Protein backbone atom coordinates (compact mmCIF):
# COMPACT_ATOMS: atom_id res chain seq x y z
CA MET A 1 -30.47 -61.53 19.86
CA ILE A 2 -32.79 -59.13 18.07
CA SER A 3 -32.40 -56.55 20.86
CA LEU A 4 -28.63 -56.70 20.51
CA ILE A 5 -28.83 -56.05 16.77
CA LEU A 6 -31.17 -53.09 17.34
CA LEU A 7 -28.79 -51.67 19.91
CA LEU A 8 -25.87 -51.84 17.48
CA LEU A 9 -27.88 -50.15 14.74
CA ILE A 10 -28.92 -47.30 17.06
CA SER A 11 -25.35 -46.74 18.21
CA PHE A 12 -24.07 -46.63 14.61
CA TYR A 13 -26.78 -44.15 13.61
CA CYS A 14 -26.03 -41.84 16.51
CA SER A 15 -22.29 -41.89 15.81
CA ASN A 16 -22.94 -40.61 12.27
CA ILE A 17 -25.22 -37.80 13.45
CA TYR A 18 -22.97 -36.49 16.24
CA ALA A 19 -19.65 -36.94 14.45
CA PHE A 20 -17.15 -34.22 15.37
CA ASP A 21 -13.96 -33.29 13.54
CA PHE A 22 -11.34 -32.63 16.20
CA SER A 23 -8.77 -31.42 13.67
CA SER A 24 -10.98 -28.49 12.65
CA ALA A 25 -11.79 -27.75 16.31
CA LYS A 26 -8.15 -27.25 17.16
CA SER A 27 -7.79 -24.62 14.48
CA SER A 28 -10.85 -22.65 15.71
CA VAL A 29 -9.78 -22.52 19.35
CA THR A 30 -8.11 -19.17 20.26
CA THR A 31 -5.74 -18.92 23.18
CA ARG A 32 -5.68 -15.86 25.49
CA ARG A 33 -2.32 -14.26 25.84
CA SER A 34 -1.12 -12.50 28.96
CA ASN A 35 -0.78 -9.23 27.04
CA ASP A 36 -4.51 -9.15 26.31
CA ILE A 37 -5.48 -8.91 30.00
CA ASN A 38 -6.90 -5.52 30.93
CA MET A 39 -5.41 -4.56 34.28
CA LYS A 40 -6.91 -2.00 36.65
CA ILE A 41 -5.53 1.54 36.29
CA PHE A 42 -4.68 2.85 39.73
CA ASP A 43 -4.89 6.47 40.80
CA TRP A 44 -1.13 6.86 41.09
CA LYS A 45 -0.76 5.92 37.43
CA LYS A 46 -3.37 8.48 36.48
CA ARG A 47 -1.55 11.12 38.51
CA GLU A 48 1.71 10.39 36.69
CA GLU A 49 -0.06 10.89 33.39
CA PHE A 50 -1.60 14.10 34.70
CA GLU A 51 1.82 15.54 35.60
CA THR A 52 3.04 15.12 32.03
CA TYR A 53 -0.21 16.33 30.49
CA VAL A 54 0.06 19.54 28.49
CA VAL A 55 -2.98 21.80 28.35
CA PRO A 56 -3.75 22.73 24.74
CA ASP A 57 -3.70 26.39 23.77
CA ASP A 58 -7.31 26.40 22.61
CA TYR A 59 -8.60 24.99 25.90
CA ILE A 60 -11.54 26.94 27.32
CA PRO A 61 -12.53 26.06 30.91
CA PHE A 62 -16.24 25.44 31.01
CA VAL A 63 -18.71 23.37 33.00
CA ASN A 64 -18.47 20.40 30.68
CA THR A 65 -14.69 20.59 30.26
CA ILE A 66 -13.56 20.83 33.88
CA ARG A 67 -12.34 17.57 35.37
CA ALA A 68 -11.10 16.72 38.84
CA ILE A 69 -7.45 15.85 39.37
CA PRO A 70 -6.99 12.05 39.32
CA GLY A 71 -6.98 10.72 42.85
CA SER A 72 -8.55 13.82 44.45
CA ARG A 73 -12.07 12.39 44.48
CA GLU A 74 -12.29 9.02 46.19
CA LYS A 75 -15.24 6.83 45.31
CA PHE A 76 -17.59 6.25 48.20
CA LYS A 77 -17.56 2.81 49.84
CA ARG A 78 -20.53 0.65 48.94
CA VAL A 79 -21.42 -1.31 52.05
CA GLY A 80 -23.96 -4.04 52.57
CA ARG A 81 -23.47 -5.52 49.10
CA GLY A 82 -22.13 -8.96 49.96
CA ILE A 83 -19.45 -10.54 52.11
CA SER A 84 -16.82 -10.58 49.36
CA ALA A 85 -16.24 -6.84 49.68
CA GLY A 86 -15.39 -7.04 53.39
CA GLN A 87 -18.19 -4.62 54.27
CA GLY A 88 -21.13 -6.95 53.90
CA LYS A 89 -23.74 -7.88 56.46
CA THR A 90 -22.65 -5.57 59.28
CA CYS A 91 -21.30 -2.84 56.95
CA GLY A 92 -18.05 -2.61 58.91
CA ARG A 93 -19.71 -1.63 62.20
CA GLY A 94 -19.45 -4.96 64.00
CA MET A 95 -22.23 -7.07 65.41
CA ARG A 96 -23.36 -5.25 68.56
CA GLY A 97 -22.77 -2.08 70.47
CA GLN A 98 -23.86 1.53 70.49
CA LYS A 99 -21.88 2.53 67.42
CA SER A 100 -23.32 -0.32 65.37
CA ARG A 101 -26.89 0.98 65.62
CA SER A 102 -28.54 3.10 62.99
CA GLY A 103 -29.73 6.62 63.61
CA GLU A 104 -28.41 8.11 66.83
CA GLY A 105 -26.11 5.17 67.41
CA LYS A 106 -23.66 6.25 64.69
CA GLY A 107 -21.81 8.55 67.04
CA THR A 108 -21.93 10.07 70.48
CA ARG A 109 -22.03 13.65 71.65
CA PRO A 110 -18.74 15.48 72.25
CA GLY A 111 -17.26 14.67 75.64
CA PHE A 112 -19.20 11.42 76.12
CA GLU A 113 -17.01 8.61 77.46
CA GLY A 114 -19.39 5.69 77.53
CA GLY A 115 -21.00 6.46 80.87
CA GLN A 116 -17.94 7.01 83.05
CA THR A 117 -17.29 10.43 84.55
CA PRO A 118 -16.08 12.52 81.60
CA LEU A 119 -13.03 14.73 81.66
CA TYR A 120 -14.92 18.02 81.94
CA ARG A 121 -16.48 16.75 85.19
CA ARG A 122 -13.29 15.26 86.63
CA ILE A 123 -11.19 18.41 86.47
CA PRO A 124 -11.43 21.03 89.27
CA LYS A 125 -13.69 24.01 88.74
CA ILE A 126 -13.35 27.72 89.43
CA GLN A 127 -15.15 28.76 92.58
CA GLY A 128 -18.36 30.71 92.09
CA SER A 129 -21.56 30.40 90.16
CA PRO A 130 -22.12 30.68 87.28
CA GLN A 131 -18.71 29.46 86.24
CA LYS A 132 -17.51 31.81 83.54
CA GLY A 133 -14.38 31.38 81.52
CA HIS A 134 -11.89 33.99 80.44
CA THR A 135 -13.50 37.01 78.79
CA LYS A 136 -11.78 39.63 76.68
CA THR A 137 -12.75 43.28 77.07
CA GLU A 138 -13.23 44.85 73.66
CA TYR A 139 -13.37 48.59 73.04
CA SER A 140 -14.37 50.94 70.27
CA LEU A 141 -11.14 52.79 69.46
CA ILE A 142 -10.84 56.57 69.40
CA LYS A 143 -7.71 57.83 67.67
CA LEU A 144 -5.99 61.16 68.23
CA ASP A 145 -6.70 62.07 64.61
CA MET A 146 -10.41 62.06 65.47
CA LEU A 147 -9.81 64.47 68.34
CA ASN A 148 -7.79 66.77 66.06
CA GLN A 149 -10.93 67.33 63.98
CA LEU A 150 -12.60 69.02 66.98
CA ALA A 151 -10.79 72.35 66.64
CA ASP A 152 -13.91 74.24 67.74
CA LYS A 153 -14.07 72.25 70.99
CA GLU A 154 -10.98 73.71 72.65
CA ASN A 155 -11.12 73.82 76.44
CA ASN A 156 -14.27 71.64 76.36
CA SER A 157 -15.03 68.09 77.36
CA VAL A 158 -15.20 65.42 74.67
CA ASP A 159 -16.70 61.93 74.81
CA VAL A 160 -18.23 59.40 72.42
CA SER A 161 -21.52 61.28 72.08
CA VAL A 162 -19.72 64.47 70.98
CA LEU A 163 -17.80 62.58 68.31
CA GLN A 164 -21.00 60.99 67.04
CA GLU A 165 -22.82 64.34 66.85
CA ALA A 166 -19.92 65.79 64.84
CA GLY A 167 -20.06 62.84 62.42
CA ILE A 168 -16.51 61.76 63.20
CA LEU A 169 -17.45 58.52 64.92
CA THR A 170 -20.32 57.01 62.93
CA LYS A 171 -20.57 53.49 64.26
CA GLN A 172 -19.82 52.04 67.67
CA LYS A 173 -19.58 48.27 67.62
CA HIS A 174 -18.76 47.98 71.33
CA SER A 175 -20.28 49.89 74.22
CA LEU A 176 -16.88 50.75 75.75
CA ALA A 177 -14.52 53.33 74.24
CA LYS A 178 -10.74 53.50 74.43
CA VAL A 179 -8.46 56.36 73.34
CA VAL A 180 -5.27 55.20 71.62
CA GLY A 181 -2.18 57.25 70.74
CA GLY A 182 0.12 57.07 67.78
CA GLY A 183 0.27 60.73 66.85
CA GLU A 184 0.19 64.29 68.15
CA LEU A 185 -2.83 66.07 69.59
CA THR A 186 -3.11 69.59 68.14
CA VAL A 187 -6.31 70.69 69.93
CA LYS A 188 -5.47 72.35 73.23
CA GLY A 189 -7.21 71.99 76.56
CA LEU A 190 -9.49 69.04 75.83
CA THR A 191 -11.01 67.02 78.63
CA VAL A 192 -11.34 63.56 77.08
CA LYS A 193 -13.70 61.08 78.72
CA ALA A 194 -13.44 57.37 77.87
CA HIS A 195 -13.41 53.98 79.52
CA ALA A 196 -9.70 53.35 78.91
CA PHE A 197 -6.58 55.15 77.69
CA THR A 198 -3.23 53.99 76.43
CA GLN A 199 -0.13 55.52 77.98
CA SER A 200 0.78 57.29 74.75
CA ALA A 201 -2.71 58.80 74.58
CA LYS A 202 -2.43 60.06 78.16
CA ASP A 203 0.91 61.71 77.43
CA ALA A 204 -0.42 63.36 74.26
CA ILE A 205 -3.47 64.78 76.03
CA GLU A 206 -1.42 66.10 78.96
CA SER A 207 1.19 67.66 76.67
CA ALA A 208 -1.63 69.56 74.90
CA GLY A 209 -2.79 71.00 78.21
CA GLY A 210 -5.81 68.72 78.53
CA GLN A 211 -7.10 66.14 80.93
CA TRP A 212 -8.21 62.52 80.62
CA VAL A 213 -11.05 61.04 82.67
CA VAL A 214 -11.64 57.30 83.02
CA LEU A 215 -15.34 56.45 82.97
CA PRO A 216 -16.71 53.51 84.99
CA LYS A 217 -17.44 50.54 82.75
CA THR A 218 -20.70 49.63 84.47
CA ALA A 219 -22.19 53.12 84.69
CA LYS A 220 -25.35 54.02 82.77
CA LYS A 221 -25.74 56.97 80.40
CA GLU A 222 -27.58 59.03 83.02
CA GLU A 223 -24.73 58.52 85.49
CA LEU A 224 -22.05 59.35 82.90
CA ALA A 225 -23.54 62.80 82.37
CA SER A 226 -22.52 63.79 85.90
CA VAL A 227 -18.93 62.51 85.56
């Protein structure tokens, strides 16, 4: 009986201490409206704002004022940061395989097809060794205007060395020389020596009473002196 009375007294005492006014609580509670939600601003919305943006007249482009166009710089993908992002444990590489390994396993060399015979070994080859592809013959060009500057060389032979000594041809990027037309040759009786000639250059030299001599492409300088 005494324990029951003590229990009632304790319950009454606690109810007075922890009394709570629910009417005042209702007034203090604030509800969240749908308009207060901050939504993510996508790049296409930023680009629309950028199209209507007007640059002020007092704008001075500087290091701290230059900004990238919205949407032009994509944020890098953070991988290995949890499974919720979709690129978690395996970082988007899968569980096993050559391309899932770190280091050299990220990619393979060009032409590698996983061990099967690659395409560059399956196709037929050109006969001969070593197998060389198509090569383009490049020449240092000699124009007729250069030959017109050799007025004191009438009835003489002219080649690349003569043009270099006269200061007309200063640099020779390629070892072979080719005479091209496109004008009129005023110097008479020249014997022009080169590795190649265009048809217009041949006609111009012959009309001026001269001759053209094709030099062998594989001959050395000592051999060219006797040509």
